[in-house]
């Protein structure tokens, strides 16, 4: 499971149009993420026992209730762990108010309070575009994708999402929204 902000359809479509020419030149070492799976992860939770999901949901609901809607946009590009040995290609998230960073902290705190282990990696706001089958240099992709600047939208909710590995498009993950809470702050 993971907690995420999901961009609206028009933002996904805008990015998809920009990315499509890169996806249309297949590279067997690059697995492009499907548009319908695009999201910005706030907290990666891994396996969550069913008996903890109610308490987790209540904590996430409280975190969302305190959060005001805020503006975001997608743009630029990068790779984890780095461009010369990438495993993940991503587009960044522009958040001038740093509300997304604050929301990541509050959602992680809610998970911890519910007894759910959160992946301890430093929060780097991004949207994953592709995963590499092996570490590879992605400078050609980053150069082109770094020019992308998406439209601004207002983030107004967070979602708790369950993933089923291997059951989605192209044998990737399939996602099911388990809970969704509006920002009411």
N, C-alpha and C. Protein backbone atom coordinates (compact mmCIF):
# COMPACT_ATOMS: atom_id res chain seq x y z
N UNK A 1 0.84 -1.18 0.00
CA UNK A 1 0.00 0.00 0.00
C UNK A 1 0.89 1.24 0.00
N UNK A 2 0.29 2.34 -0.44
CA UNK A 2 0.97 3.62 -0.38
C UNK A 2 -0.06 4.73 -0.32
N UNK A 3 0.39 5.91 0.14
CA UNK A 3 -0.45 7.10 0.21
C UNK A 3 0.02 8.02 -0.90
N UNK A 4 -0.93 8.60 -1.65
CA UNK A 4 -0.53 9.40 -2.82
C UNK A 4 -1.49 10.55 -3.09
N UNK A 5 -0.98 11.49 -3.87
CA UNK A 5 -1.79 12.51 -4.53
C UNK A 5 -1.80 12.11 -6.00
N UNK A 6 -2.99 12.06 -6.58
CA UNK A 6 -3.14 11.65 -7.97
C UNK A 6 -3.52 12.87 -8.80
N UNK A 7 -2.74 13.17 -9.85
CA UNK A 7 -3.07 14.32 -10.69
C UNK A 7 -4.39 14.11 -11.42
N UNK A 8 -5.10 15.21 -11.72
CA UNK A 8 -6.36 15.08 -12.46
C UNK A 8 -6.11 14.63 -13.91
N UNK A 9 -7.17 14.14 -14.54
CA UNK A 9 -7.10 13.58 -15.89
C UNK A 9 -6.44 14.53 -16.88
N UNK A 10 -6.80 15.81 -16.84
CA UNK A 10 -6.25 16.75 -17.83
C UNK A 10 -4.74 16.93 -17.67
N UNK A 11 -4.24 16.82 -16.45
CA UNK A 11 -2.80 16.92 -16.21
C UNK A 11 -2.10 15.66 -16.72
N UNK A 12 -2.70 14.51 -16.47
CA UNK A 12 -2.16 13.24 -16.95
C UNK A 12 -2.14 13.24 -18.48
N UNK A 13 -3.21 13.70 -19.12
CA UNK A 13 -3.27 13.74 -20.58
C UNK A 13 -2.20 14.66 -21.15
N UNK A 14 -1.97 15.81 -20.53
CA UNK A 14 -0.95 16.76 -20.98
C UNK A 14 0.44 16.11 -20.94
N UNK A 15 0.77 15.48 -19.83
CA UNK A 15 2.06 14.80 -19.70
C UNK A 15 2.16 13.63 -20.67
N UNK A 16 1.09 12.89 -20.82
CA UNK A 16 1.08 11.73 -21.70
C UNK A 16 1.40 12.13 -23.15
N UNK A 17 0.82 13.25 -23.60
CA UNK A 17 1.10 13.72 -24.96
C UNK A 17 2.58 14.05 -25.13
N UNK A 18 3.20 14.60 -24.10
CA UNK A 18 4.61 14.95 -24.17
C UNK A 18 5.50 13.69 -24.15
N UNK A 19 5.13 12.72 -23.34
CA UNK A 19 5.93 11.51 -23.17
C UNK A 19 5.75 10.54 -24.34
N UNK A 20 4.60 10.54 -24.99
CA UNK A 20 4.25 9.54 -26.00
C UNK A 20 5.32 9.33 -27.07
N UNK A 21 5.91 10.37 -27.65
CA UNK A 21 6.93 10.11 -28.67
C UNK A 21 8.12 9.29 -28.14
N UNK A 22 8.42 9.39 -26.87
CA UNK A 22 9.51 8.61 -26.29
C UNK A 22 9.08 7.16 -26.11
N UNK A 23 7.82 6.95 -25.75
CA UNK A 23 7.31 5.58 -25.56
C UNK A 23 7.15 4.87 -26.89
N UNK A 24 6.96 5.62 -27.97
CA UNK A 24 6.70 5.00 -29.28
C UNK A 24 7.98 4.44 -29.91
N UNK A 25 9.15 4.68 -29.32
CA UNK A 25 10.41 4.09 -29.76
C UNK A 25 10.84 3.09 -28.69
N UNK A 26 10.30 1.88 -28.74
CA UNK A 26 10.51 0.93 -27.65
C UNK A 26 11.98 0.59 -27.40
N UNK A 27 12.28 0.43 -26.15
CA UNK A 27 13.58 -0.03 -25.68
C UNK A 27 13.26 -1.14 -24.69
N UNK A 28 13.74 -2.33 -24.95
CA UNK A 28 13.37 -3.48 -24.11
C UNK A 28 13.83 -3.33 -22.66
N UNK A 29 14.78 -2.41 -22.40
CA UNK A 29 15.25 -2.21 -21.04
C UNK A 29 14.46 -1.14 -20.28
N UNK A 30 13.53 -0.47 -20.98
CA UNK A 30 12.73 0.60 -20.35
C UNK A 30 11.27 0.16 -20.31
N UNK A 31 10.72 0.10 -19.09
CA UNK A 31 9.30 -0.24 -18.92
C UNK A 31 8.56 1.04 -18.55
N UNK A 32 7.84 1.61 -19.51
CA UNK A 32 7.11 2.85 -19.28
C UNK A 32 5.88 2.59 -18.42
N UNK A 33 5.68 3.43 -17.43
CA UNK A 33 4.50 3.31 -16.57
C UNK A 33 3.26 3.72 -17.35
N UNK A 34 2.18 3.05 -17.09
CA UNK A 34 0.91 3.36 -17.72
C UNK A 34 0.33 4.65 -17.13
N UNK A 35 -0.25 5.49 -17.99
CA UNK A 35 -0.83 6.77 -17.55
C UNK A 35 -1.78 6.60 -16.37
N UNK A 36 -2.59 5.54 -16.40
CA UNK A 36 -3.59 5.38 -15.34
C UNK A 36 -2.98 5.01 -14.00
N UNK A 37 -1.68 4.75 -13.96
CA UNK A 37 -1.03 4.44 -12.68
C UNK A 37 -0.21 5.63 -12.15
N UNK A 38 -0.19 6.74 -12.87
CA UNK A 38 0.64 7.88 -12.46
C UNK A 38 0.11 8.50 -11.17
N UNK A 39 1.02 8.74 -10.25
CA UNK A 39 0.68 9.31 -8.94
C UNK A 39 1.94 9.88 -8.30
N UNK A 40 1.76 10.64 -7.25
CA UNK A 40 2.86 11.19 -6.47
C UNK A 40 2.80 10.52 -5.10
N UNK A 41 3.75 9.65 -4.81
CA UNK A 41 3.74 8.91 -3.55
C UNK A 41 4.17 9.82 -2.39
N UNK A 42 3.35 9.84 -1.35
CA UNK A 42 3.67 10.58 -0.13
C UNK A 42 4.32 9.66 0.90
N UNK A 43 3.85 8.42 0.96
CA UNK A 43 4.38 7.45 1.91
C UNK A 43 4.19 6.05 1.33
N UNK A 44 5.29 5.31 1.24
CA UNK A 44 5.21 3.92 0.80
C UNK A 44 5.14 3.05 2.04
N UNK A 45 4.09 2.23 2.12
CA UNK A 45 3.81 1.46 3.34
C UNK A 45 4.12 -0.02 3.23
N UNK A 46 4.31 -0.53 2.05
CA UNK A 46 4.53 -1.97 1.90
C UNK A 46 3.27 -2.74 2.28
N UNK A 47 3.46 -3.92 2.82
CA UNK A 47 2.33 -4.76 3.24
C UNK A 47 1.71 -4.17 4.51
N UNK A 48 0.39 -3.98 4.50
CA UNK A 48 -0.33 -3.47 5.67
C UNK A 48 -1.35 -4.53 6.09
N UNK A 49 -1.24 -5.04 7.31
CA UNK A 49 -2.22 -6.02 7.77
C UNK A 49 -3.63 -5.41 7.74
N UNK A 50 -4.59 -6.21 7.34
CA UNK A 50 -5.97 -5.72 7.21
C UNK A 50 -6.49 -5.11 8.50
N UNK A 51 -6.07 -5.65 9.64
CA UNK A 51 -6.59 -5.16 10.91
C UNK A 51 -6.06 -3.77 11.27
N UNK A 52 -5.05 -3.29 10.53
CA UNK A 52 -4.52 -1.95 10.79
C UNK A 52 -5.09 -0.89 9.84
N UNK A 53 -5.83 -1.31 8.81
CA UNK A 53 -6.28 -0.35 7.80
C UNK A 53 -7.30 0.66 8.34
N UNK A 54 -8.16 0.26 9.26
CA UNK A 54 -9.14 1.21 9.81
C UNK A 54 -8.44 2.34 10.56
N UNK A 55 -7.52 1.99 11.44
CA UNK A 55 -6.80 3.01 12.21
C UNK A 55 -5.95 3.88 11.28
N UNK A 56 -5.33 3.26 10.28
CA UNK A 56 -4.56 4.01 9.30
C UNK A 56 -5.46 5.00 8.56
N UNK A 57 -6.63 4.54 8.13
CA UNK A 57 -7.59 5.41 7.42
C UNK A 57 -8.03 6.58 8.28
N UNK A 58 -8.27 6.34 9.55
CA UNK A 58 -8.68 7.42 10.46
C UNK A 58 -7.57 8.46 10.59
N UNK A 59 -6.33 8.02 10.68
CA UNK A 59 -5.21 8.96 10.76
C UNK A 59 -5.03 9.76 9.49
N UNK A 60 -5.20 9.11 8.34
CA UNK A 60 -5.09 9.81 7.06
C UNK A 60 -6.23 10.81 6.89
N UNK A 61 -7.42 10.43 7.36
CA UNK A 61 -8.56 11.34 7.30
C UNK A 61 -8.28 12.60 8.13
N UNK A 62 -7.71 12.44 9.31
CA UNK A 62 -7.35 13.60 10.15
C UNK A 62 -6.30 14.47 9.47
N UNK A 63 -5.30 13.84 8.86
CA UNK A 63 -4.25 14.59 8.16
C UNK A 63 -4.84 15.39 7.01
N UNK A 64 -5.74 14.79 6.25
CA UNK A 64 -6.39 15.48 5.13
C UNK A 64 -7.28 16.61 5.62
N UNK A 65 -7.98 16.40 6.72
CA UNK A 65 -8.89 17.42 7.25
C UNK A 65 -8.14 18.68 7.65
N UNK A 66 -6.88 18.56 8.06
CA UNK A 66 -6.09 19.73 8.47
C UNK A 66 -5.40 20.41 7.29
N UNK A 67 -5.36 19.76 6.14
CA UNK A 67 -4.62 20.26 4.98
C UNK A 67 -5.51 21.14 4.10
N UNK A 68 -5.00 22.32 3.71
CA UNK A 68 -5.69 23.17 2.74
C UNK A 68 -5.31 22.69 1.34
N UNK A 69 -6.22 22.82 0.36
CA UNK A 69 -5.84 22.53 -1.02
C UNK A 69 -4.66 23.41 -1.43
N UNK A 70 -3.82 22.91 -2.32
CA UNK A 70 -2.63 23.65 -2.75
C UNK A 70 -2.32 23.35 -4.21
N UNK A 71 -1.57 24.27 -4.84
CA UNK A 71 -1.26 24.14 -6.26
C UNK A 71 0.03 23.38 -6.49
N UNK A 72 0.01 22.55 -7.53
CA UNK A 72 1.16 21.76 -7.97
C UNK A 72 1.27 21.83 -9.48
N UNK A 73 2.44 21.54 -10.00
CA UNK A 73 2.61 21.30 -11.43
C UNK A 73 3.75 20.30 -11.60
N UNK A 74 3.74 19.63 -12.72
CA UNK A 74 4.78 18.65 -13.04
C UNK A 74 5.77 19.28 -14.00
N UNK A 75 7.03 18.91 -13.87
CA UNK A 75 8.00 19.43 -14.80
C UNK A 75 9.41 19.01 -14.46
N UNK A 76 10.28 19.16 -15.47
CA UNK A 76 11.68 18.77 -15.36
C UNK A 76 11.77 17.25 -15.30
N UNK A 77 12.97 16.73 -15.11
CA UNK A 77 13.14 15.28 -15.12
C UNK A 77 14.36 14.89 -14.30
N UNK A 78 14.40 13.64 -13.92
CA UNK A 78 15.52 13.11 -13.17
C UNK A 78 15.44 11.61 -13.12
N UNK A 79 16.35 11.01 -12.35
CA UNK A 79 16.41 9.56 -12.26
C UNK A 79 16.93 9.15 -10.89
N UNK A 80 16.47 8.00 -10.43
CA UNK A 80 16.98 7.39 -9.20
C UNK A 80 17.77 6.15 -9.56
N UNK A 81 18.89 5.84 -8.97
CA UNK A 81 19.58 6.69 -8.00
C UNK A 81 20.31 7.85 -8.64
N UNK A 82 20.53 7.81 -9.95
CA UNK A 82 21.17 8.90 -10.68
C UNK A 82 21.04 8.66 -12.17
N UNK A 83 21.32 9.66 -12.97
CA UNK A 83 21.15 9.57 -14.43
C UNK A 83 22.05 8.50 -15.05
N UNK A 84 23.33 8.37 -14.63
CA UNK A 84 24.19 7.38 -15.31
C UNK A 84 23.88 5.93 -14.97
N UNK A 85 23.19 5.68 -13.87
CA UNK A 85 22.89 4.30 -13.45
C UNK A 85 21.44 4.19 -12.99
N UNK A 86 20.55 4.72 -13.79
CA UNK A 86 19.13 4.85 -13.41
C UNK A 86 18.42 3.51 -13.33
N UNK A 87 17.54 3.44 -12.33
CA UNK A 87 16.56 2.35 -12.22
C UNK A 87 15.16 2.91 -12.42
N UNK A 88 15.00 4.24 -12.16
CA UNK A 88 13.70 4.91 -12.27
C UNK A 88 13.91 6.25 -12.97
N UNK A 89 13.05 6.53 -13.96
CA UNK A 89 13.02 7.83 -14.65
C UNK A 89 11.78 8.55 -14.19
N UNK A 90 11.90 9.84 -13.82
CA UNK A 90 10.76 10.55 -13.25
C UNK A 90 10.67 11.98 -13.76
N UNK A 91 9.47 12.55 -13.56
CA UNK A 91 9.28 13.98 -13.72
C UNK A 91 9.05 14.55 -12.33
N UNK A 92 9.55 15.76 -12.12
CA UNK A 92 9.46 16.37 -10.81
C UNK A 92 8.12 17.02 -10.54
N UNK A 93 7.95 17.47 -9.31
CA UNK A 93 6.72 18.14 -8.88
C UNK A 93 7.10 19.52 -8.35
N UNK A 94 6.50 20.54 -8.90
CA UNK A 94 6.73 21.91 -8.43
C UNK A 94 5.65 22.25 -7.41
N UNK A 95 6.12 22.65 -6.23
CA UNK A 95 5.24 22.95 -5.10
C UNK A 95 5.85 24.16 -4.38
N UNK A 96 5.44 25.33 -4.76
CA UNK A 96 6.05 26.56 -4.23
C UNK A 96 5.80 26.75 -2.74
N UNK A 97 4.75 26.18 -2.20
CA UNK A 97 4.42 26.37 -0.79
C UNK A 97 5.00 25.27 0.10
N UNK A 98 5.55 24.24 -0.49
CA UNK A 98 6.06 23.06 0.22
C UNK A 98 4.97 22.33 1.01
N UNK A 99 3.72 22.52 0.60
CA UNK A 99 2.61 21.82 1.24
C UNK A 99 2.71 20.31 1.04
N UNK A 100 3.22 19.90 -0.11
CA UNK A 100 3.34 18.46 -0.39
C UNK A 100 4.34 17.81 0.58
N UNK A 101 5.43 18.49 0.84
CA UNK A 101 6.42 17.99 1.79
C UNK A 101 5.80 17.86 3.18
N UNK A 102 5.05 18.88 3.59
CA UNK A 102 4.37 18.84 4.89
C UNK A 102 3.36 17.69 4.93
N UNK A 103 2.60 17.53 3.84
CA UNK A 103 1.60 16.46 3.78
C UNK A 103 2.28 15.09 3.85
N UNK A 104 3.42 14.94 3.21
CA UNK A 104 4.16 13.68 3.29
C UNK A 104 4.53 13.39 4.75
N UNK A 105 4.97 14.41 5.47
CA UNK A 105 5.33 14.20 6.89
C UNK A 105 4.11 13.82 7.72
N UNK A 106 2.98 14.47 7.49
CA UNK A 106 1.79 14.16 8.31
C UNK A 106 1.21 12.79 7.96
N UNK A 107 1.27 12.39 6.69
CA UNK A 107 0.75 11.06 6.33
C UNK A 107 1.68 9.97 6.88
N UNK A 108 2.97 10.22 6.87
CA UNK A 108 3.92 9.25 7.43
C UNK A 108 3.72 9.14 8.94
N UNK A 109 3.47 10.27 9.59
CA UNK A 109 3.21 10.25 11.04
C UNK A 109 1.93 9.48 11.35
N UNK A 110 0.89 9.68 10.52
CA UNK A 110 -0.37 8.95 10.72
C UNK A 110 -0.16 7.45 10.58
N UNK A 111 0.64 7.05 9.60
CA UNK A 111 0.93 5.62 9.42
C UNK A 111 1.69 5.07 10.62
N UNK A 112 2.71 5.80 11.05
CA UNK A 112 3.50 5.35 12.21
C UNK A 112 2.62 5.21 13.45
N UNK A 113 1.72 6.18 13.66
CA UNK A 113 0.83 6.14 14.82
C UNK A 113 -0.09 4.91 14.76
N UNK A 114 -0.46 4.50 13.54
CA UNK A 114 -1.31 3.33 13.37
C UNK A 114 -0.51 2.02 13.44
N UNK A 115 0.81 2.15 13.64
CA UNK A 115 1.64 0.96 13.74
C UNK A 115 2.03 0.38 12.39
N UNK A 116 1.96 1.20 11.35
CA UNK A 116 2.31 0.77 10.00
C UNK A 116 3.70 1.29 9.67
N UNK A 117 4.57 0.42 9.24
CA UNK A 117 5.93 0.80 8.90
C UNK A 117 5.96 1.56 7.59
N UNK A 118 6.67 2.69 7.60
CA UNK A 118 6.81 3.53 6.40
C UNK A 118 8.23 3.38 5.88
N UNK A 119 8.35 3.24 4.56
CA UNK A 119 9.66 3.21 3.95
C UNK A 119 10.40 4.48 4.37
N UNK A 120 11.59 4.35 4.87
CA UNK A 120 12.30 5.48 5.46
C UNK A 120 13.04 6.38 4.49
N UNK A 121 12.90 6.17 3.19
CA UNK A 121 13.61 7.02 2.24
C UNK A 121 13.19 8.47 2.36
N UNK A 122 14.14 9.36 2.05
CA UNK A 122 13.87 10.79 2.05
C UNK A 122 12.79 11.08 1.00
N UNK A 123 11.86 11.96 1.35
CA UNK A 123 10.78 12.31 0.43
C UNK A 123 11.33 13.19 -0.69
N UNK A 124 11.20 12.72 -1.91
CA UNK A 124 11.55 13.48 -3.11
C UNK A 124 10.32 13.50 -3.99
N UNK A 125 9.61 14.65 -4.07
CA UNK A 125 8.37 14.67 -4.85
C UNK A 125 8.64 14.40 -6.33
N UNK A 126 7.99 13.38 -6.84
CA UNK A 126 8.17 12.99 -8.24
C UNK A 126 7.01 12.11 -8.69
N UNK A 127 6.93 11.95 -9.99
CA UNK A 127 5.98 11.03 -10.60
C UNK A 127 6.81 10.10 -11.48
N UNK A 128 6.74 8.80 -11.22
CA UNK A 128 7.54 7.82 -11.96
C UNK A 128 6.99 7.65 -13.37
N UNK A 129 7.88 7.83 -14.36
CA UNK A 129 7.52 7.66 -15.76
C UNK A 129 7.91 6.28 -16.29
N UNK A 130 9.06 5.77 -15.83
CA UNK A 130 9.54 4.48 -16.33
C UNK A 130 10.48 3.84 -15.32
N UNK A 131 10.57 2.52 -15.42
CA UNK A 131 11.52 1.74 -14.62
C UNK A 131 12.43 1.01 -15.59
N UNK A 132 13.69 0.87 -15.20
CA UNK A 132 14.67 0.20 -16.05
C UNK A 132 14.82 -1.25 -15.60
N UNK A 133 14.94 -2.13 -16.56
CA UNK A 133 15.12 -3.55 -16.24
C UNK A 133 16.50 -3.80 -15.62
N UNK A 134 17.45 -2.92 -15.93
CA UNK A 134 18.81 -2.99 -15.38
C UNK A 134 19.28 -1.55 -15.24
N UNK A 135 20.24 -1.27 -14.39
CA UNK A 135 20.75 0.10 -14.29
C UNK A 135 21.30 0.56 -15.64
N UNK A 136 20.92 1.76 -16.05
CA UNK A 136 21.38 2.26 -17.35
C UNK A 136 21.46 3.77 -17.35
N UNK A 137 22.21 4.30 -18.30
CA UNK A 137 22.36 5.74 -18.48
C UNK A 137 21.12 6.24 -19.22
N UNK A 138 20.41 7.19 -18.61
CA UNK A 138 19.17 7.71 -19.20
C UNK A 138 19.30 9.18 -19.59
N UNK A 139 20.54 9.63 -19.84
CA UNK A 139 20.75 11.04 -20.15
C UNK A 139 19.92 11.48 -21.36
N UNK A 140 19.74 10.61 -22.37
CA UNK A 140 18.97 11.00 -23.56
C UNK A 140 17.50 11.27 -23.19
N UNK A 141 16.94 10.52 -22.27
CA UNK A 141 15.57 10.75 -21.83
C UNK A 141 15.47 11.99 -20.95
N UNK A 142 16.40 12.15 -20.03
CA UNK A 142 16.36 13.28 -19.10
C UNK A 142 16.50 14.60 -19.86
N UNK A 143 17.36 14.64 -20.86
CA UNK A 143 17.55 15.88 -21.64
C UNK A 143 16.24 16.33 -22.28
N UNK A 144 15.51 15.39 -22.86
CA UNK A 144 14.25 15.74 -23.54
C UNK A 144 13.15 16.03 -22.52
N UNK A 145 13.02 15.16 -21.52
CA UNK A 145 11.94 15.31 -20.54
C UNK A 145 12.17 16.49 -19.59
N UNK A 146 13.41 16.94 -19.46
CA UNK A 146 13.72 18.06 -18.59
C UNK A 146 13.10 19.36 -19.09
N UNK A 147 12.72 19.39 -20.35
CA UNK A 147 12.09 20.58 -20.95
C UNK A 147 10.59 20.65 -20.64
N UNK A 148 10.03 19.57 -20.15
CA UNK A 148 8.58 19.53 -19.91
C UNK A 148 8.18 20.44 -18.75
N UNK A 149 7.09 21.19 -18.98
CA UNK A 149 6.47 21.98 -17.91
C UNK A 149 4.96 21.81 -18.04
N UNK A 150 4.36 21.16 -17.07
CA UNK A 150 2.93 20.88 -17.13
C UNK A 150 2.08 21.99 -16.56
N UNK A 151 0.78 21.89 -16.76
CA UNK A 151 -0.15 22.89 -16.23
C UNK A 151 -0.26 22.80 -14.70
N UNK A 152 -0.60 23.90 -14.10
CA UNK A 152 -0.82 23.94 -12.65
C UNK A 152 -2.21 23.39 -12.34
N UNK A 153 -2.30 22.64 -11.27
CA UNK A 153 -3.60 22.16 -10.81
C UNK A 153 -3.64 22.26 -9.29
N UNK A 154 -4.85 22.17 -8.73
CA UNK A 154 -5.01 22.23 -7.29
C UNK A 154 -5.19 20.83 -6.73
N UNK A 155 -4.24 20.43 -5.89
CA UNK A 155 -4.34 19.15 -5.19
C UNK A 155 -5.35 19.35 -4.07
N UNK A 156 -6.36 18.49 -4.02
CA UNK A 156 -7.43 18.68 -3.04
C UNK A 156 -7.81 17.41 -2.28
N UNK A 157 -7.00 16.34 -2.43
CA UNK A 157 -7.31 15.09 -1.74
C UNK A 157 -6.10 14.17 -1.74
N UNK A 158 -6.12 13.24 -0.82
CA UNK A 158 -5.10 12.19 -0.83
C UNK A 158 -5.80 10.85 -0.90
N UNK A 159 -5.06 9.85 -1.34
CA UNK A 159 -5.62 8.51 -1.51
C UNK A 159 -4.72 7.47 -0.86
N UNK A 160 -5.34 6.46 -0.29
CA UNK A 160 -4.66 5.26 0.17
C UNK A 160 -4.88 4.23 -0.93
N UNK A 161 -3.78 3.71 -1.48
CA UNK A 161 -3.87 2.85 -2.66
C UNK A 161 -3.20 1.51 -2.37
N UNK A 162 -3.87 0.45 -2.80
CA UNK A 162 -3.34 -0.90 -2.70
C UNK A 162 -2.84 -1.30 -4.09
N UNK A 163 -1.69 -1.95 -4.13
CA UNK A 163 -1.17 -2.38 -5.43
C UNK A 163 -1.12 -3.90 -5.51
N UNK A 164 -1.39 -4.38 -6.70
CA UNK A 164 -1.31 -5.82 -6.98
C UNK A 164 -0.27 -6.00 -8.08
N UNK A 165 0.92 -6.42 -7.69
CA UNK A 165 2.02 -6.53 -8.64
C UNK A 165 1.74 -7.57 -9.72
N UNK A 166 2.09 -7.20 -10.96
CA UNK A 166 1.94 -8.11 -12.09
C UNK A 166 0.54 -8.21 -12.66
N UNK A 167 -0.43 -7.50 -12.10
CA UNK A 167 -1.82 -7.62 -12.55
C UNK A 167 -2.30 -6.42 -13.38
N UNK A 168 -1.43 -5.45 -13.60
CA UNK A 168 -1.82 -4.24 -14.32
C UNK A 168 -1.40 -4.28 -15.78
N UNK A 169 -1.54 -3.14 -16.47
CA UNK A 169 -1.16 -3.05 -17.88
C UNK A 169 0.32 -3.41 -18.08
N UNK A 170 0.59 -4.20 -19.10
CA UNK A 170 1.96 -4.61 -19.40
C UNK A 170 2.60 -5.42 -18.29
N UNK A 171 1.80 -6.12 -17.53
CA UNK A 171 2.25 -6.94 -16.40
C UNK A 171 2.85 -6.10 -15.27
N UNK A 172 2.51 -4.81 -15.25
CA UNK A 172 2.92 -3.94 -14.15
C UNK A 172 1.94 -4.08 -13.00
N UNK A 173 1.95 -3.11 -12.11
CA UNK A 173 1.06 -3.15 -10.95
C UNK A 173 -0.33 -2.63 -11.31
N UNK A 174 -1.33 -3.23 -10.70
CA UNK A 174 -2.70 -2.71 -10.78
C UNK A 174 -2.98 -2.03 -9.44
N UNK A 175 -3.67 -0.90 -9.49
CA UNK A 175 -3.92 -0.12 -8.28
C UNK A 175 -5.41 -0.06 -7.97
N UNK A 176 -5.72 -0.16 -6.68
CA UNK A 176 -7.09 -0.02 -6.19
C UNK A 176 -7.08 1.03 -5.09
N UNK A 177 -7.94 2.04 -5.21
CA UNK A 177 -8.05 3.06 -4.17
C UNK A 177 -8.86 2.47 -3.02
N UNK A 178 -8.24 2.43 -1.85
CA UNK A 178 -8.84 1.86 -0.65
C UNK A 178 -9.56 2.94 0.15
N UNK A 179 -9.03 4.16 0.10
CA UNK A 179 -9.63 5.29 0.81
C UNK A 179 -9.23 6.59 0.14
N UNK A 180 -10.10 7.59 0.26
CA UNK A 180 -9.83 8.89 -0.33
C UNK A 180 -10.41 9.96 0.59
N UNK A 181 -9.58 11.00 0.86
CA UNK A 181 -10.00 12.03 1.79
C UNK A 181 -9.70 13.40 1.22
N UNK A 182 -10.69 14.30 1.28
CA UNK A 182 -10.53 15.65 0.76
C UNK A 182 -9.78 16.52 1.76
N UNK A 183 -9.06 17.51 1.26
CA UNK A 183 -8.39 18.49 2.11
C UNK A 183 -9.42 19.51 2.55
N UNK A 184 -9.56 19.68 3.85
CA UNK A 184 -10.61 20.54 4.40
C UNK A 184 -10.06 21.72 5.19
N UNK A 185 -8.74 21.78 5.42
CA UNK A 185 -8.13 22.80 6.27
C UNK A 185 -8.36 24.22 5.86
